[in-house]
Amino acid sequence: MRRSRAEWSRQIALWRKSGLTARQYATQAGLNAGTLKYWKYALGREARGGSGTKANLPLIEVRSSVRGYDGFEVELSGGRSVRVPVTFDEEALRRLLAVLEVAS
């Protein structure tokens, strides 16, 4: 199920108020913990004036890709996808997505 930016913003606000870990909140809300953390990062970056998903990443959808996998999958235009662990290196992911965007 795709969720809008506004829905993710609402989920992040509810998570922060809950005092739960990402995994605990995601389990209760029926979300993927990795996706929840990703959107916290992306929306926080936008709020701080940095570039977020809308401007730089060719993001179509972020979803849980493998049962039991605590990360997320970024589907790119052109049918490519990248599995990203929760503990990803921000700069390495940015460079990889830039290369893939040029290649599509």
PDB file of N, CA and C in Angstrom:
ATOM      1  N   MET A   1       0.830  -1.181   0.000  1.00  0.00           N
ATOM      2  CA  MET A   1       0.000   0.000   0.000  1.00  0.00           C
ATOM      3  C   MET A   1       0.875   1.245   0.000  1.00  0.00           C
ATOM      4  N   ARG A   2       0.639   2.127  -0.938  1.00  0.00           N
ATOM      5  CA  ARG A   2       1.373   3.389  -0.987  1.00  0.00           C
ATOM      6  C   ARG A   2       0.769   4.377  -0.015  1.00  0.00           C
ATOM      7  N   ARG A   3       1.637   5.105   0.641  1.00  0.00           N
ATOM      8  CA  ARG A   3       1.195   6.152   1.559  1.00  0.00           C
ATOM      9  C   ARG A   3       1.748   7.479   1.061  1.00  0.00           C
ATOM     10  N   SER A   4       0.985   8.515   1.244  1.00  0.00           N
ATOM     11  CA  SER A   4       1.403   9.843   0.809  1.00  0.00           C
ATOM     12  C   SER A   4       2.442  10.410   1.768  1.00  0.00           C
ATOM     13  N   ARG A   5       3.093  11.470   1.336  1.00  0.00           N
ATOM     14  CA  ARG A   5       4.031  12.198   2.190  1.00  0.00           C
ATOM     15  C   ARG A   5       3.341  12.649   3.458  1.00  0.00           C
ATOM     16  N   ALA A   6       2.131  13.162   3.311  1.00  0.00           N
ATOM     17  CA  ALA A   6       1.370  13.654   4.466  1.00  0.00           C
ATOM     18  C   ALA A   6       1.103  12.517   5.454  1.00  0.00           C
ATOM     19  N   GLU A   7       0.775  11.330   4.946  1.00  0.00           N
ATOM     20  CA  GLU A   7       0.520  10.186   5.823  1.00  0.00           C
ATOM     21  C   GLU A   7       1.795   9.783   6.553  1.00  0.00           C
ATOM     22  N   TRP A   8       2.938   9.783   5.846  1.00  0.00           N
ATOM     23  CA  TRP A   8       4.191   9.441   6.508  1.00  0.00           C
ATOM     24  C   TRP A   8       4.550  10.487   7.557  1.00  0.00           C
ATOM     25  N   SER A   9       4.291  11.745   7.261  1.00  0.00           N
ATOM     26  CA  SER A   9       4.552  12.805   8.233  1.00  0.00           C
ATOM     27  C   SER A   9       3.714  12.581   9.490  1.00  0.00           C
ATOM     28  N   ARG A  10       2.449  12.209   9.293  1.00  0.00           N
ATOM     29  CA  ARG A  10       1.561  11.925  10.419  1.00  0.00           C
ATOM     30  C   ARG A  10       2.059  10.718  11.216  1.00  0.00           C
ATOM     31  N   GLN A  11       2.482   9.669  10.523  1.00  0.00           N
ATOM     32  CA  GLN A  11       2.988   8.471  11.197  1.00  0.00           C
ATOM     33  C   GLN A  11       4.244   8.790  12.012  1.00  0.00           C
ATOM     34  N   ILE A  12       5.132   9.610  11.464  1.00  0.00           N
ATOM     35  CA  ILE A  12       6.356   9.980  12.174  1.00  0.00           C
ATOM     36  C   ILE A  12       5.998  10.752  13.440  1.00  0.00           C
ATOM     37  N   ALA A  13       5.044  11.678  13.341  1.00  0.00           N
ATOM     38  CA  ALA A  13       4.624  12.457  14.515  1.00  0.00           C
ATOM     39  C   ALA A  13       4.034  11.538  15.586  1.00  0.00           C
ATOM     40  N   LEU A  14       3.199  10.588  15.173  1.00  0.00           N
ATOM     41  CA  LEU A  14       2.609   9.648  16.125  1.00  0.00           C
ATOM     42  C   LEU A  14       3.676   8.765  16.770  1.00  0.00           C
ATOM     43  N   TRP A  15       4.639   8.340  15.973  1.00  0.00           N
ATOM     44  CA  TRP A  15       5.736   7.519  16.489  1.00  0.00           C
ATOM     45  C   TRP A  15       6.515   8.295  17.551  1.00  0.00           C
ATOM     46  N   ARG A  16       6.860   9.538  17.251  1.00  0.00           N
ATOM     47  CA  ARG A  16       7.623  10.350  18.209  1.00  0.00           C
ATOM     48  C   ARG A  16       6.866  10.508  19.523  1.00  0.00           C
ATOM     49  N   LYS A  17       5.569  10.739  19.437  1.00  0.00           N
ATOM     50  CA  LYS A  17       4.750  10.913  20.641  1.00  0.00           C
ATOM     51  C   LYS A  17       4.624   9.614  21.437  1.00  0.00           C
ATOM     52  N   SER A  18       4.732   8.486  20.750  1.00  0.00           N
ATOM     53  CA  SER A  18       4.506   7.195  21.395  1.00  0.00           C
ATOM     54  C   SER A  18       5.605   6.803  22.381  1.00  0.00           C
ATOM     55  N   GLY A  19       6.818   7.256  22.139  1.00  0.00           N
ATOM     56  CA  GLY A  19       7.936   6.854  22.981  1.00  0.00           C
ATOM     57  C   GLY A  19       8.439   5.447  22.688  1.00  0.00           C
ATOM     58  N   LEU A  20       7.895   4.813  21.663  1.00  0.00           N
ATOM     59  CA  LEU A  20       8.288   3.453  21.293  1.00  0.00           C
ATOM     60  C   LEU A  20       9.481   3.470  20.353  1.00  0.00           C
ATOM     61  N   THR A  21      10.149   2.340  20.242  1.00  0.00           N
ATOM     62  CA  THR A  21      11.199   2.201  19.232  1.00  0.00           C
ATOM     63  C   THR A  21      10.525   2.101  17.869  1.00  0.00           C
ATOM     64  N   ALA A  22      11.302   2.267  16.827  1.00  0.00           N
ATOM     65  CA  ALA A  22      10.756   2.159  15.469  1.00  0.00           C
ATOM     66  C   ALA A  22      10.118   0.786  15.260  1.00  0.00           C
ATOM     67  N   ARG A  23      10.798  -0.245  15.701  1.00  0.00           N
ATOM     68  CA  ARG A  23      10.282  -1.613  15.523  1.00  0.00           C
ATOM     69  C   ARG A  23       8.973  -1.803  16.284  1.00  0.00           C
ATOM     70  N   GLN A  24       8.912  -1.322  17.520  1.00  0.00           N
ATOM     71  CA  GLN A  24       7.687  -1.469  18.322  1.00  0.00           C
ATOM     72  C   GLN A  24       6.521  -0.712  17.685  1.00  0.00           C
ATOM     73  N   TYR A  25       6.775   0.541  17.309  1.00  0.00           N
ATOM     74  CA  TYR A  25       5.701   1.351  16.722  1.00  0.00           C
ATOM     75  C   TYR A  25       5.252   0.749  15.387  1.00  0.00           C
ATOM     76  N   ALA A  26       6.216   0.381  14.563  1.00  0.00           N
ATOM     77  CA  ALA A  26       5.884  -0.172  13.253  1.00  0.00           C
ATOM     78  C   ALA A  26       5.044  -1.441  13.387  1.00  0.00           C
ATOM     79  N   THR A  27       5.392  -2.291  14.332  1.00  0.00           N
ATOM     80  CA  THR A  27       4.624  -3.516  14.554  1.00  0.00           C
ATOM     81  C   THR A  27       3.187  -3.183  14.922  1.00  0.00           C
ATOM     82  N   GLN A  28       3.014  -2.232  15.847  1.00  0.00           N
ATOM     83  CA  GLN A  28       1.660  -1.846  16.267  1.00  0.00           C
ATOM     84  C   GLN A  28       0.874  -1.183  15.145  1.00  0.00           C
ATOM     85  N   ALA A  29       1.565  -0.399  14.304  1.00  0.00           N
ATOM     86  CA  ALA A  29       0.879   0.355  13.244  1.00  0.00           C
ATOM     87  C   ALA A  29       0.779  -0.420  11.936  1.00  0.00           C
ATOM     88  N   GLY A  30       1.379  -1.607  11.879  1.00  0.00           N
ATOM     89  CA  GLY A  30       1.343  -2.397  10.646  1.00  0.00           C
ATOM     90  C   GLY A  30       2.247  -1.834   9.564  1.00  0.00           C
ATOM     91  N   LEU A  31       3.391  -1.272   9.977  1.00  0.00           N
ATOM     92  CA  LEU A  31       4.344  -0.668   9.048  1.00  0.00           C
ATOM     93  C   LEU A  31       5.657  -1.433   9.085  1.00  0.00           C
ATOM     94  N   ASN A  32       6.524  -1.158   8.127  1.00  0.00           N
ATOM     95  CA  ASN A  32       7.866  -1.708   8.116  1.00  0.00           C
ATOM     96  C   ASN A  32       8.770  -0.733   8.867  1.00  0.00           C
ATOM     97  N   ALA A  33       9.521  -1.211   9.848  1.00  0.00           N
ATOM     98  CA  ALA A  33      10.374  -0.351  10.666  1.00  0.00           C
ATOM     99  C   ALA A  33      11.421   0.371   9.822  1.00  0.00           C
ATOM    100  N   GLY A  34      11.979  -0.297   8.845  1.00  0.00           N
ATOM    101  CA  GLY A  34      12.977   0.335   7.975  1.00  0.00           C
ATOM    102  C   GLY A  34      12.385   1.477   7.172  1.00  0.00           C
ATOM    103  N   THR A  35      11.177   1.288   6.673  1.00  0.00           N
ATOM    104  CA  THR A  35      10.510   2.341   5.903  1.00  0.00           C
ATOM    105  C   THR A  35      10.185   3.519   6.812  1.00  0.00           C
ATOM    106  N   LEU A  36       9.739   3.235   8.018  1.00  0.00           N
ATOM    107  CA  LEU A  36       9.438   4.289   8.980  1.00  0.00           C
ATOM    108  C   LEU A  36      10.684   5.123   9.259  1.00  0.00           C
ATOM    109  N   LYS A  37      11.812   4.473   9.472  1.00  0.00           N
ATOM    110  CA  LYS A  37      13.063   5.183   9.729  1.00  0.00           C
ATOM    111  C   LYS A  37      13.503   5.988   8.509  1.00  0.00           C
ATOM    112  N   TYR A  38      13.309   5.409   7.339  1.00  0.00           N
ATOM    113  CA  TYR A  38      13.669   6.127   6.111  1.00  0.00           C
ATOM    114  C   TYR A  38      12.890   7.430   5.997  1.00  0.00           C
ATOM    115  N   TRP A  39      11.577   7.357   6.200  1.00  0.00           N
ATOM    116  CA  TRP A  39      10.757   8.563   6.069  1.00  0.00           C
ATOM    117  C   TRP A  39      11.069   9.573   7.157  1.00  0.00           C
ATOM    118  N   LYS A  40      11.427   9.124   8.337  1.00  0.00           N
ATOM    119  CA  LYS A  40      11.855  10.054   9.391  1.00  0.00           C
ATOM    120  C   LYS A  40      13.084  10.813   8.912  1.00  0.00           C
ATOM    121  N   TYR A  41      14.019  10.091   8.339  1.00  0.00           N
ATOM    122  CA  TYR A  41      15.236  10.704   7.807  1.00  0.00           C
ATOM    123  C   TYR A  41      14.905  11.679   6.666  1.00  0.00           C
ATOM    124  N   ALA A  42      14.142  11.223   5.681  1.00  0.00           N
ATOM    125  CA  ALA A  42      13.859  12.037   4.498  1.00  0.00           C
ATOM    126  C   ALA A  42      13.074  13.304   4.847  1.00  0.00           C
ATOM    127  N   LEU A  43      12.047  13.152   5.666  1.00  0.00           N
ATOM    128  CA  LEU A  43      11.234  14.316   6.035  1.00  0.00           C
ATOM    129  C   LEU A  43      12.019  15.260   6.940  1.00  0.00           C
ATOM    130  N   GLY A  44      12.844  14.720   7.817  1.00  0.00           N
ATOM    131  CA  GLY A  44      13.686  15.551   8.670  1.00  0.00           C
ATOM    132  C   GLY A  44      14.697  16.340   7.862  1.00  0.00           C
ATOM    133  N   ARG A  45      15.244  15.706   6.863  1.00  0.00           N
ATOM    134  CA  ARG A  45      16.218  16.378   5.986  1.00  0.00           C
ATOM    135  C   ARG A  45      15.555  17.523   5.243  1.00  0.00           C
ATOM    136  N   GLU A  46      14.366  17.298   4.734  1.00  0.00           N
ATOM    137  CA  GLU A  46      13.623  18.363   4.055  1.00  0.00           C
ATOM    138  C   GLU A  46      13.349  19.519   5.003  1.00  0.00           C
ATOM    139  N   ALA A  47      12.935  19.200   6.223  1.00  0.00           N
ATOM    140  CA  ALA A  47      12.597  20.233   7.208  1.00  0.00           C
ATOM    141  C   ALA A  47      13.821  21.082   7.564  1.00  0.00           C
ATOM    142  N   ARG A  48      15.006  20.464   7.510  1.00  0.00           N
ATOM    143  CA  ARG A  48      16.236  21.194   7.822  1.00  0.00           C
ATOM    144  C   ARG A  48      16.764  21.951   6.614  1.00  0.00           C
ATOM    145  N   GLY A  49      16.046  21.900   5.502  1.00  0.00           N
ATOM    146  CA  GLY A  49      16.472  22.622   4.310  1.00  0.00           C
ATOM    147  C   GLY A  49      17.356  21.830   3.380  1.00  0.00           C
ATOM    148  N   GLY A  50      17.585  20.572   3.701  1.00  0.00           N
ATOM    149  CA  GLY A  50      18.381  19.713   2.826  1.00  0.00           C
ATOM    150  C   GLY A  50      17.494  19.140   1.745  1.00  0.00           C
ATOM    151  N   SER A  51      18.110  18.419   0.843  1.00  0.00           N
ATOM    152  CA  SER A  51      17.323  17.811  -0.219  1.00  0.00           C
ATOM    153  C   SER A  51      16.706  16.526   0.288  1.00  0.00           C
ATOM    154  N   GLY A  52      15.461  16.326   0.011  1.00  0.00           N
ATOM    155  CA  GLY A  52      14.748  15.132   0.431  1.00  0.00           C
ATOM    156  C   GLY A  52      14.432  14.262  -0.749  1.00  0.00           C
ATOM    157  N   THR A  53      13.565  13.323  -0.557  1.00  0.00           N
ATOM    158  CA  THR A  53      13.250  12.362  -1.601  1.00  0.00           C
ATOM    159  C   THR A  53      12.666  13.022  -2.834  1.00  0.00           C
ATOM    160  N   LYS A  54      11.846  14.011  -2.673  1.00  0.00           N
ATOM    161  CA  LYS A  54      11.157  14.619  -3.799  1.00  0.00           C
ATOM    162  C   LYS A  54      12.128  15.245  -4.786  1.00  0.00           C
ATOM    163  N   ALA A  55      13.142  15.922  -4.271  1.00  0.00           N
ATOM    164  CA  ALA A  55      14.045  16.655  -5.135  1.00  0.00           C
ATOM    165  C   ALA A  55      15.098  15.779  -5.806  1.00  0.00           C
ATOM    166  N   ASN A  56      15.700  14.854  -5.080  1.00  0.00           N
ATOM    167  CA  ASN A  56      16.867  14.165  -5.609  1.00  0.00           C
ATOM    168  C   ASN A  56      16.708  12.687  -5.897  1.00  0.00           C
ATOM    169  N   LEU A  57      15.872  11.996  -5.172  1.00  0.00           N
ATOM    170  CA  LEU A  57      15.800  10.560  -5.345  1.00  0.00           C
ATOM    171  C   LEU A  57      14.674  10.190  -6.298  1.00  0.00           C
ATOM    172  N   PRO A  58      14.959   9.328  -7.245  1.00  0.00           N
ATOM    173  CA  PRO A  58      13.924   8.909  -8.185  1.00  0.00           C
ATOM    174  C   PRO A  58      13.031   7.849  -7.548  1.00  0.00           C
ATOM    175  N   LEU A  59      12.434   8.223  -6.446  1.00  0.00           N
ATOM    176  CA  LEU A  59      11.683   7.287  -5.621  1.00  0.00           C
ATOM    177  C   LEU A  59      10.287   7.070  -6.170  1.00  0.00           C
ATOM    178  N   ILE A  60       9.910   5.827  -6.308  1.00  0.00           N
ATOM    179  CA  ILE A  60       8.542   5.494  -6.671  1.00  0.00           C
ATOM    180  C   ILE A  60       7.823   4.988  -5.439  1.00  0.00           C
ATOM    181  N   GLU A  61       8.410   4.053  -4.776  1.00  0.00           N
ATOM    182  CA  GLU A  61       7.764   3.455  -3.606  1.00  0.00           C
ATOM    183  C   GLU A  61       8.819   2.835  -2.711  1.00  0.00           C
ATOM    184  N   VAL A  62       8.613   2.942  -1.427  1.00  0.00           N
ATOM    185  CA  VAL A  62       9.472   2.263  -0.468  1.00  0.00           C
ATOM    186  C   VAL A  62       8.600   1.226   0.205  1.00  0.00           C
ATOM    187  N   ARG A  63       9.038  -0.030   0.198  1.00  0.00           N
ATOM    188  CA  ARG A  63       8.204  -1.081   0.763  1.00  0.00           C
ATOM    189  C   ARG A  63       9.085  -2.166   1.348  1.00  0.00           C
ATOM    190  N   SER A  64       8.488  -2.943   2.202  1.00  0.00           N
ATOM    191  CA  SER A  64       9.177  -4.103   2.729  1.00  0.00           C
ATOM    192  C   SER A  64       9.263  -5.120   1.608  1.00  0.00           C
ATOM    193  N   SER A  65      10.435  -5.648   1.367  1.00  0.00           N
ATOM    194  CA  SER A  65      10.594  -6.538   0.223  1.00  0.00           C
ATOM    195  C   SER A  65      10.717  -8.009   0.595  1.00  0.00           C
ATOM    196  N   VAL A  66      11.233  -8.279   1.745  1.00  0.00           N
ATOM    197  CA  VAL A  66      11.453  -9.659   2.149  1.00  0.00           C
ATOM    198  C   VAL A  66      10.928  -9.835   3.570  1.00  0.00           C
ATOM    199  N   ARG A  67      10.129 -10.849   3.764  1.00  0.00           N
ATOM    200  CA  ARG A  67       9.592 -11.094   5.111  1.00  0.00           C
ATOM    201  C   ARG A  67      10.749 -11.288   6.090  1.00  0.00           C
ATOM    202  N   GLY A  68      10.695 -10.562   7.198  1.00  0.00           N
ATOM    203  CA  GLY A  68      11.729 -10.671   8.203  1.00  0.00           C
ATOM    204  C   GLY A  68      12.942  -9.788   7.943  1.00  0.00           C
ATOM    205  N   TYR A  69      12.980  -9.078   6.814  1.00  0.00           N
ATOM    206  CA  TYR A  69      14.098  -8.205   6.484  1.00  0.00           C
ATOM    207  C   TYR A  69      13.828  -6.844   7.091  1.00  0.00           C
ATOM    208  N   ASP A  70      14.702  -6.382   7.977  1.00  0.00           N
ATOM    209  CA  ASP A  70      14.498  -5.112   8.661  1.00  0.00           C
ATOM    210  C   ASP A  70      15.209  -4.001   7.905  1.00  0.00           C
ATOM    211  N   GLY A  71      14.779  -3.766   6.714  1.00  0.00           N
ATOM    212  CA  GLY A  71      15.312  -2.701   5.882  1.00  0.00           C
ATOM    213  C   GLY A  71      14.198  -2.247   4.966  1.00  0.00           C
ATOM    214  N   PHE A  72      14.558  -1.653   3.868  1.00  0.00           N
ATOM    215  CA  PHE A  72      13.541  -1.244   2.914  1.00  0.00           C
ATOM    216  C   PHE A  72      14.079  -1.386   1.503  1.00  0.00           C
ATOM    217  N   GLU A  73      13.180  -1.335   0.563  1.00  0.00           N
ATOM    218  CA  GLU A  73      13.545  -1.445  -0.833  1.00  0.00           C
ATOM    219  C   GLU A  73      13.095  -0.186  -1.534  1.00  0.00           C
ATOM    220  N   VAL A  74      13.992   0.399  -2.307  1.00  0.00           N
ATOM    221  CA  VAL A  74      13.666   1.595  -3.070  1.00  0.00           C
ATOM    222  C   VAL A  74      13.463   1.156  -4.512  1.00  0.00           C
ATOM    223  N   GLU A  75      12.264   1.395  -5.024  1.00  0.00           N
ATOM    224  CA  GLU A  75      11.984   1.098  -6.421  1.00  0.00           C
ATOM    225  C   GLU A  75      12.241   2.354  -7.230  1.00  0.00           C
ATOM    226  N   LEU A  76      13.070   2.211  -8.249  1.00  0.00           N
ATOM    227  CA  LEU A  76      13.453   3.337  -9.085  1.00  0.00           C
ATOM    228  C   LEU A  76      12.695   3.303 -10.396  1.00  0.00           C
ATOM    229  N   SER A  77      12.668   4.440 -11.065  1.00  0.00           N
ATOM    230  CA  SER A  77      12.069   4.447 -12.391  1.00  0.00           C
ATOM    231  C   SER A  77      12.867   3.499 -13.270  1.00  0.00           C
ATOM    232  N   GLY A  78      12.237   2.928 -14.254  1.00  0.00           N
ATOM    233  CA  GLY A  78      12.912   1.979 -15.127  1.00  0.00           C
ATOM    234  C   GLY A  78      12.899   0.563 -14.591  1.00  0.00           C
ATOM    235  N   GLY A  79      12.189   0.329 -13.478  1.00  0.00           N
ATOM    236  CA  GLY A  79      12.048  -1.020 -12.961  1.00  0.00           C
ATOM    237  C   GLY A  79      13.184  -1.518 -12.083  1.00  0.00           C
ATOM    238  N   ARG A  80      14.163  -0.701 -11.820  1.00  0.00           N
ATOM    239  CA  ARG A  80      15.250  -1.113 -10.938  1.00  0.00           C
ATOM    240  C   ARG A  80      14.837  -0.943  -9.486  1.00  0.00           C
ATOM    241  N   SER A  81      15.452  -1.733  -8.608  1.00  0.00           N
ATOM    242  CA  SER A  81      15.203  -1.575  -7.182  1.00  0.00           C
ATOM    243  C   SER A  81      16.494  -1.826  -6.420  1.00  0.00           C
ATOM    244  N   VAL A  82      16.572  -1.229  -5.241  1.00  0.00           N
ATOM    245  CA  VAL A  82      17.747  -1.350  -4.390  1.00  0.00           C
ATOM    246  C   VAL A  82      17.268  -1.706  -2.995  1.00  0.00           C
ATOM    247  N   ARG A  83      17.792  -2.793  -2.429  1.00  0.00           N
ATOM    248  CA  ARG A  83      17.499  -3.141  -1.042  1.00  0.00           C
ATOM    249  C   ARG A  83      18.487  -2.410  -0.155  1.00  0.00           C
ATOM    250  N   VAL A  84      17.951  -1.762   0.862  1.00  0.00           N
ATOM    251  CA  VAL A  84      18.769  -0.930   1.739  1.00  0.00           C
ATOM    252  C   VAL A  84      18.567  -1.376   3.179  1.00  0.00           C
ATOM    253  N   PRO A  85      19.645  -1.715   3.871  1.00  0.00           N
ATOM    254  CA  PRO A  85      19.501  -2.097   5.277  1.00  0.00           C
ATOM    255  C   PRO A  85      19.182  -0.861   6.117  1.00  0.00           C
ATOM    256  N   VAL A  86      18.647  -1.068   7.290  1.00  0.00           N
ATOM    257  CA  VAL A  86      18.306   0.044   8.171  1.00  0.00           C
ATOM    258  C   VAL A  86      19.535   0.879   8.494  1.00  0.00           C
ATOM    259  N   THR A  87      20.663   0.234   8.655  1.00  0.00           N
ATOM    260  CA  THR A  87      21.900   0.941   8.999  1.00  0.00           C
ATOM    261  C   THR A  87      22.678   1.252   7.718  1.00  0.00           C
ATOM    262  N   PHE A  88      22.098   2.064   6.851  1.00  0.00           N
ATOM    263  CA  PHE A  88      22.759   2.392   5.595  1.00  0.00           C
ATOM    264  C   PHE A  88      23.639   3.626   5.736  1.00  0.00           C
ATOM    265  N   ASP A  89      24.624   3.735   4.856  1.00  0.00           N
ATOM    266  CA  ASP A  89      25.487   4.906   4.790  1.00  0.00           C
ATOM    267  C   ASP A  89      24.823   5.903   3.843  1.00  0.00           C
ATOM    268  N   GLU A  90      24.433   7.033   4.391  1.00  0.00           N
ATOM    269  CA  GLU A  90      23.679   8.041   3.641  1.00  0.00           C
ATOM    270  C   GLU A  90      24.396   8.495   2.368  1.00  0.00           C
ATOM    271  N   GLU A  91      25.656   8.798   2.465  1.00  0.00           N
ATOM    272  CA  GLU A  91      26.395   9.296   1.312  1.00  0.00           C
ATOM    273  C   GLU A  91      26.566   8.215   0.247  1.00  0.00           C
ATOM    274  N   ALA A  92      26.834   6.992   0.664  1.00  0.00           N
ATOM    275  CA  ALA A  92      26.983   5.900  -0.298  1.00  0.00           C
ATOM    276  C   ALA A  92      25.665   5.656  -1.034  1.00  0.00           C
ATOM    277  N   LEU A  93      24.546   5.698  -0.322  1.00  0.00           N
ATOM    278  CA  LEU A  93      23.251   5.509  -0.965  1.00  0.00           C
ATOM    279  C   LEU A  93      22.965   6.649  -1.941  1.00  0.00           C
ATOM    280  N   ARG A  94      23.271   7.869  -1.541  1.00  0.00           N
ATOM    281  CA  ARG A  94      23.061   9.027  -2.424  1.00  0.00           C
ATOM    282  C   ARG A  94      23.848   8.869  -3.725  1.00  0.00           C
ATOM    283  N   ARG A  95      25.115   8.463  -3.610  1.00  0.00           N
ATOM    284  CA  ARG A  95      25.944   8.280  -4.806  1.00  0.00           C
ATOM    285  C   ARG A  95      25.408   7.164  -5.694  1.00  0.00           C
ATOM    286  N   LEU A  96      25.005   6.059  -5.070  1.00  0.00           N
ATOM    287  CA  LEU A  96      24.463   4.938  -5.828  1.00  0.00           C
ATOM    288  C   LEU A  96      23.203   5.350  -6.585  1.00  0.00           C
ATOM    289  N   LEU A  97      22.307   6.040  -5.914  1.00  0.00           N
ATOM    290  CA  LEU A  97      21.061   6.460  -6.574  1.00  0.00           C
ATOM    291  C   LEU A  97      21.326   7.456  -7.691  1.00  0.00           C
ATOM    292  N   ALA A  98      22.315   8.323  -7.522  1.00  0.00           N
ATOM    293  CA  ALA A  98      22.669   9.266  -8.578  1.00  0.00           C
ATOM    294  C   ALA A  98      23.172   8.526  -9.820  1.00  0.00           C
ATOM    295  N   VAL A  99      23.998   7.507  -9.597  1.00  0.00           N
ATOM    296  CA  VAL A  99      24.518   6.701 -10.722  1.00  0.00           C
ATOM    297  C   VAL A  99      23.361   5.972 -11.404  1.00  0.00           C
ATOM    298  N   LEU A 100      22.479   5.375 -10.639  1.00  0.00           N
ATOM    299  CA  LEU A 100      21.362   4.643 -11.219  1.00  0.00           C
ATOM    300  C   LEU A 100      20.401   5.564 -11.959  1.00  0.00           C
ATOM    301  N   GLU A 101      20.226   6.778 -11.471  1.00  0.00           N
ATOM    302  CA  GLU A 101      19.328   7.732 -12.125  1.00  0.00           C
ATOM    303  C   GLU A 101      19.874   8.111 -13.493  1.00  0.00           C
ATOM    304  N   VAL A 102      21.182   8.335 -13.577  1.00  0.00           N
ATOM    305  CA  VAL A 102      21.813   8.685 -14.847  1.00  0.00           C
ATOM    306  C   VAL A 102      21.726   7.516 -15.823  1.00  0.00           C
ATOM    307  N   ALA A 103      21.868   6.298 -15.298  1.00  0.00           N
ATOM    308  CA  ALA A 103      21.866   5.100 -16.141  1.00  0.00           C
ATOM    309  C   ALA A 103      20.483   4.738 -16.677  1.00  0.00           C
ATOM    310  N   SER A 104      19.394   5.301 -16.075  1.00  0.00           N
ATOM    311  CA  SER A 104      18.066   4.897 -16.543  1.00  0.00           C
ATOM    312  C   SER A 104      17.621   5.643 -17.763  1.00  0.00           C
TER     313      SER A 104
END
